[in-house]
Amino acid sequence: MSVDIKNWPNPVQVVRTTRPNPTIEAIRSIFYNSGFTVSVIYLLLEFIFKPSLERQYEQRVDLNGICLLQVRHLVVSLQKRLKTTPVSIIGFNETEATIEKSTQTGEDKRIIRDYDDPWEGINDNLEQCSFKLDLFNNDCGRPSIIVENFTDQTKVLTDQLNDYNQTNNKPKISHDITQGIREMKGWFVNGVIS
């Protein structure tokens, strides 16, 4: 038996490899894994979720179109059932010579009374407002405390009306002062006062 002698390589010719840094290897594996994960997510989105969302969007558009057509059909059918009468047939604003055909409102049925004293009209309006307000409060079951703001506004209105009444007296007072000044000027001109 013969033993073959193996020649060991020369240590100078041996290429030494360095062990890679474990941190760099960990980062590289994360990038490889994240790339794979992103690719899988992209494929899921592209081939599963996107077609599903497109179908839902198309269904919603179709539903909106169908609903709008049905509403339009309903409006048209209601317009056909609507009975209209021209104003000229009803007879609003007719005179012997002309008829206003574009009138859309009726005549005012409210009767405005002529008062000798304007205060009578103001008092009458305030009494009507108070009466209607009491009826409203009784119908709604609300206490009169809620109406304090309205009471304050009526007090302000009353004060304004009193001021208006006093302003009617101001021209008379101004006229009296002017007459007094003219009278004193006359005294100076005539020599009564020197």
Protein backbone atom coordinates (compact mmCIF):
# COMPACT_ATOMS: atom_id res chain seq x y z
CA MET A 1 0.00 0.00 0.00
CA SER A 2 1.24 3.17 -0.96
CA VAL A 3 0.24 6.44 0.45
CA ASP A 4 0.06 9.37 -1.83
CA ILE A 5 1.56 12.42 -0.42
CA LYS A 6 -0.53 15.48 -0.88
CA ASN A 7 1.13 18.76 -1.27
CA TRP A 8 -0.28 21.47 0.83
CA PRO A 9 -0.83 24.80 -0.90
CA ASN A 10 1.65 27.49 -0.42
CA PRO A 11 0.41 29.86 2.29
CA VAL A 12 1.36 32.83 0.14
CA GLN A 13 -1.03 31.73 -2.58
CA VAL A 14 -4.00 31.23 -0.24
CA VAL A 15 -6.59 34.03 -0.65
CA ARG A 16 -7.89 35.14 2.65
CA THR A 17 -11.62 36.08 2.81
CA THR A 18 -12.94 38.50 5.31
CA ARG A 19 -16.09 37.77 7.18
CA PRO A 20 -18.82 40.32 6.23
CA ASN A 21 -20.01 42.76 8.83
CA PRO A 22 -23.16 41.32 10.51
CA THR A 23 -24.86 44.76 10.61
CA ILE A 24 -24.47 45.21 6.88
CA GLU A 25 -25.77 41.71 6.30
CA ALA A 26 -28.81 42.39 8.50
CA ILE A 27 -29.59 45.62 6.62
CA ARG A 28 -29.15 43.86 3.27
CA SER A 29 -31.56 41.10 4.30
CA ILE A 30 -34.10 43.70 5.46
CA PHE A 31 -33.92 45.38 2.06
CA TYR A 32 -34.33 42.06 0.27
CA ASN A 33 -37.30 41.14 2.47
CA SER A 34 -38.92 44.58 2.21
CA GLY A 35 -38.56 44.50 -1.56
CA PHE A 36 -40.27 41.15 -1.63
CA THR A 37 -43.02 42.40 0.73
CA VAL A 38 -43.61 45.55 -1.32
CA SER A 39 -43.81 43.46 -4.48
CA VAL A 40 -46.43 41.19 -2.90
CA ILE A 41 -48.44 44.20 -1.65
CA TYR A 42 -48.28 45.81 -5.10
CA LEU A 43 -49.53 42.63 -6.75
CA LEU A 44 -52.40 42.38 -4.23
CA LEU A 45 -53.38 46.00 -4.83
CA GLU A 46 -53.09 45.79 -8.60
CA PHE A 47 -54.88 42.52 -9.21
CA ILE A 48 -57.36 42.26 -6.32
CA PHE A 49 -58.20 45.60 -4.71
CA LYS A 50 -58.05 47.87 -7.77
CA PRO A 51 -60.56 45.87 -9.85
CA SER A 52 -62.83 45.58 -6.82
CA LEU A 53 -62.76 49.33 -6.21
CA GLU A 54 -63.32 50.04 -9.92
CA ARG A 55 -66.41 47.80 -9.90
CA GLN A 56 -67.75 49.56 -6.80
CA TYR A 57 -67.15 52.97 -8.37
CA GLU A 58 -68.90 51.93 -11.58
CA GLN A 59 -71.82 50.55 -9.57
CA ARG A 60 -72.14 53.85 -7.69
CA VAL A 61 -72.05 55.84 -10.93
CA ASP A 62 -74.72 53.56 -12.40
CA LEU A 63 -76.85 53.89 -9.25
CA ASN A 64 -76.54 57.69 -9.33
CA GLY A 65 -77.53 57.75 -13.00
CA ILE A 66 -80.54 55.50 -12.40
CA CYS A 67 -81.66 57.57 -9.39
CA LEU A 68 -81.32 60.83 -11.32
CA LEU A 69 -83.34 59.41 -14.22
CA GLN A 70 -86.06 58.25 -11.82
CA VAL A 71 -86.15 61.64 -10.10
CA ARG A 72 -86.35 63.36 -13.47
CA HIS A 73 -89.19 61.07 -14.52
CA LEU A 74 -90.98 61.82 -11.22
CA VAL A 75 -90.58 65.59 -11.70
CA VAL A 76 -91.87 65.38 -15.28
CA SER A 77 -94.90 63.33 -14.20
CA LEU A 78 -95.65 65.76 -11.36
CA GLN A 79 -95.35 68.72 -13.74
CA LYS A 80 -97.85 67.06 -16.06
CA ARG A 81 -100.31 66.68 -13.18
CA LEU A 82 -99.84 70.27 -12.01
CA LYS A 83 -102.74 72.48 -12.95
CA THR A 84 -101.81 76.07 -13.66
CA THR A 85 -104.03 79.02 -14.36
CA PRO A 86 -102.74 82.20 -15.98
CA VAL A 87 -103.07 85.33 -13.88
CA SER A 88 -105.04 87.08 -16.59
CA ILE A 89 -107.80 84.46 -16.22
CA ILE A 90 -107.93 84.87 -12.44
CA GLY A 91 -108.31 88.62 -12.84
CA PHE A 92 -105.69 90.12 -10.54
CA ASN A 93 -104.74 93.75 -11.19
CA GLU A 94 -107.38 94.26 -13.83
CA THR A 95 -108.58 97.70 -14.71
CA GLU A 96 -110.94 98.78 -17.42
CA ALA A 97 -108.08 99.64 -19.78
CA THR A 98 -105.19 97.31 -18.92
CA ILE A 99 -104.43 93.95 -17.36
CA GLU A 100 -101.05 93.11 -15.85
CA LYS A 101 -100.31 89.61 -17.11
CA SER A 102 -97.07 89.08 -15.21
CA THR A 103 -98.58 89.54 -11.77
CA GLN A 104 -97.84 86.62 -9.48
CA THR A 105 -99.44 87.71 -6.25
CA GLY A 106 -102.97 88.52 -5.28
CA GLU A 107 -104.32 91.72 -3.93
CA ASP A 108 -103.49 92.63 -0.38
CA LYS A 109 -106.48 91.93 1.81
CA ARG A 110 -105.13 93.90 4.75
CA ILE A 111 -107.17 96.97 5.51
CA ILE A 112 -105.26 99.98 6.76
CA ARG A 113 -107.39 102.24 8.86
CA ASP A 114 -106.97 105.99 8.86
CA TYR A 115 -106.48 107.39 12.33
CA ASP A 116 -106.96 111.00 13.34
CA ASP A 117 -104.06 110.74 15.74
CA PRO A 118 -101.00 108.68 14.70
CA TRP A 119 -100.69 107.47 18.31
CA GLU A 120 -103.98 105.62 17.96
CA GLY A 121 -102.55 103.55 15.10
CA ILE A 122 -99.35 102.86 17.03
CA ASN A 123 -101.30 101.80 20.12
CA ASP A 124 -103.58 99.61 18.01
CA ASN A 125 -100.58 97.89 16.38
CA LEU A 126 -98.91 97.34 19.75
CA GLU A 127 -102.11 95.86 21.21
CA GLN A 128 -102.42 93.50 18.23
CA CYS A 129 -98.79 92.44 18.63
CA SER A 130 -99.28 91.83 22.33
CA PHE A 131 -102.46 89.82 21.69
CA LYS A 132 -100.83 87.69 18.99
CA LEU A 133 -97.79 87.14 21.18
CA ASP A 134 -99.96 85.97 24.08
CA LEU A 135 -101.78 83.57 21.75
CA PHE A 136 -98.47 82.22 20.49
CA ASN A 137 -97.16 81.72 24.03
CA ASN A 138 -100.35 79.95 25.09
CA ASP A 139 -100.22 77.65 22.06
CA CYS A 140 -96.59 76.75 22.57
CA GLY A 141 -96.88 76.42 26.34
CA ARG A 142 -93.99 78.78 26.85
CA PRO A 143 -93.91 81.08 29.86
CA SER A 144 -93.83 84.81 29.34
CA ILE A 145 -90.31 84.94 30.80
CA ILE A 146 -88.91 83.84 27.44
CA VAL A 147 -90.35 86.98 25.88
CA GLU A 148 -88.21 89.38 27.94
CA ASN A 149 -86.16 90.21 24.88
CA PHE A 150 -89.33 91.19 23.04
CA THR A 151 -90.38 93.33 26.02
CA ASP A 152 -87.03 95.11 25.95
CA GLN A 153 -87.42 95.76 22.24
CA THR A 154 -90.90 97.21 22.77
CA LYS A 155 -89.50 99.49 25.48
CA VAL A 156 -86.82 100.67 23.06
CA LEU A 157 -89.51 101.24 20.44
CA THR A 158 -91.58 103.24 22.93
CA ASP A 159 -88.55 105.37 23.81
CA GLN A 160 -87.87 105.97 20.12
CA LEU A 161 -91.48 107.00 19.59
CA ASN A 162 -91.28 109.37 22.55
CA ASP A 163 -88.11 110.86 21.08
CA TYR A 164 -89.92 111.21 17.76
CA ASN A 165 -92.75 113.04 19.50
CA GLN A 166 -90.24 115.39 21.14
CA THR A 167 -88.53 116.03 17.82
CA ASN A 168 -91.85 117.26 16.49
CA ASN A 169 -91.75 119.93 19.22
CA LYS A 170 -88.16 120.93 18.40
CA PRO A 171 -89.04 122.97 15.28
CA LYS A 172 -91.50 124.97 17.39
CA ILE A 173 -88.85 125.59 20.06
CA SER A 174 -86.32 126.53 17.36
CA HIS A 175 -88.84 128.92 15.81
CA ASP A 176 -89.48 130.55 19.22
CA ILE A 177 -85.73 131.02 19.81
CA THR A 178 -85.28 132.54 16.34
CA GLN A 179 -88.16 134.94 16.97
CA GLY A 180 -86.61 135.96 20.32
CA ILE A 181 -83.24 136.67 18.68
CA ARG A 182 -84.90 138.72 15.93
CA GLU A 183 -86.83 140.68 18.55
CA MET A 184 -83.59 141.50 20.44
CA LYS A 185 -81.93 142.57 17.17
CA GLY A 186 -84.88 144.85 16.58
CA TRP A 187 -84.35 146.41 20.00
CA PHE A 188 -80.73 147.20 19.09
CA VAL A 189 -81.69 148.57 15.67
CA ASN A 190 -84.48 150.75 17.06
CA GLY A 191 -82.26 152.01 19.88
CA VAL A 192 -84.29 150.56 22.73
CA ILE A 193 -81.07 148.94 23.98
CA SER A 194 -77.75 150.66 23.46
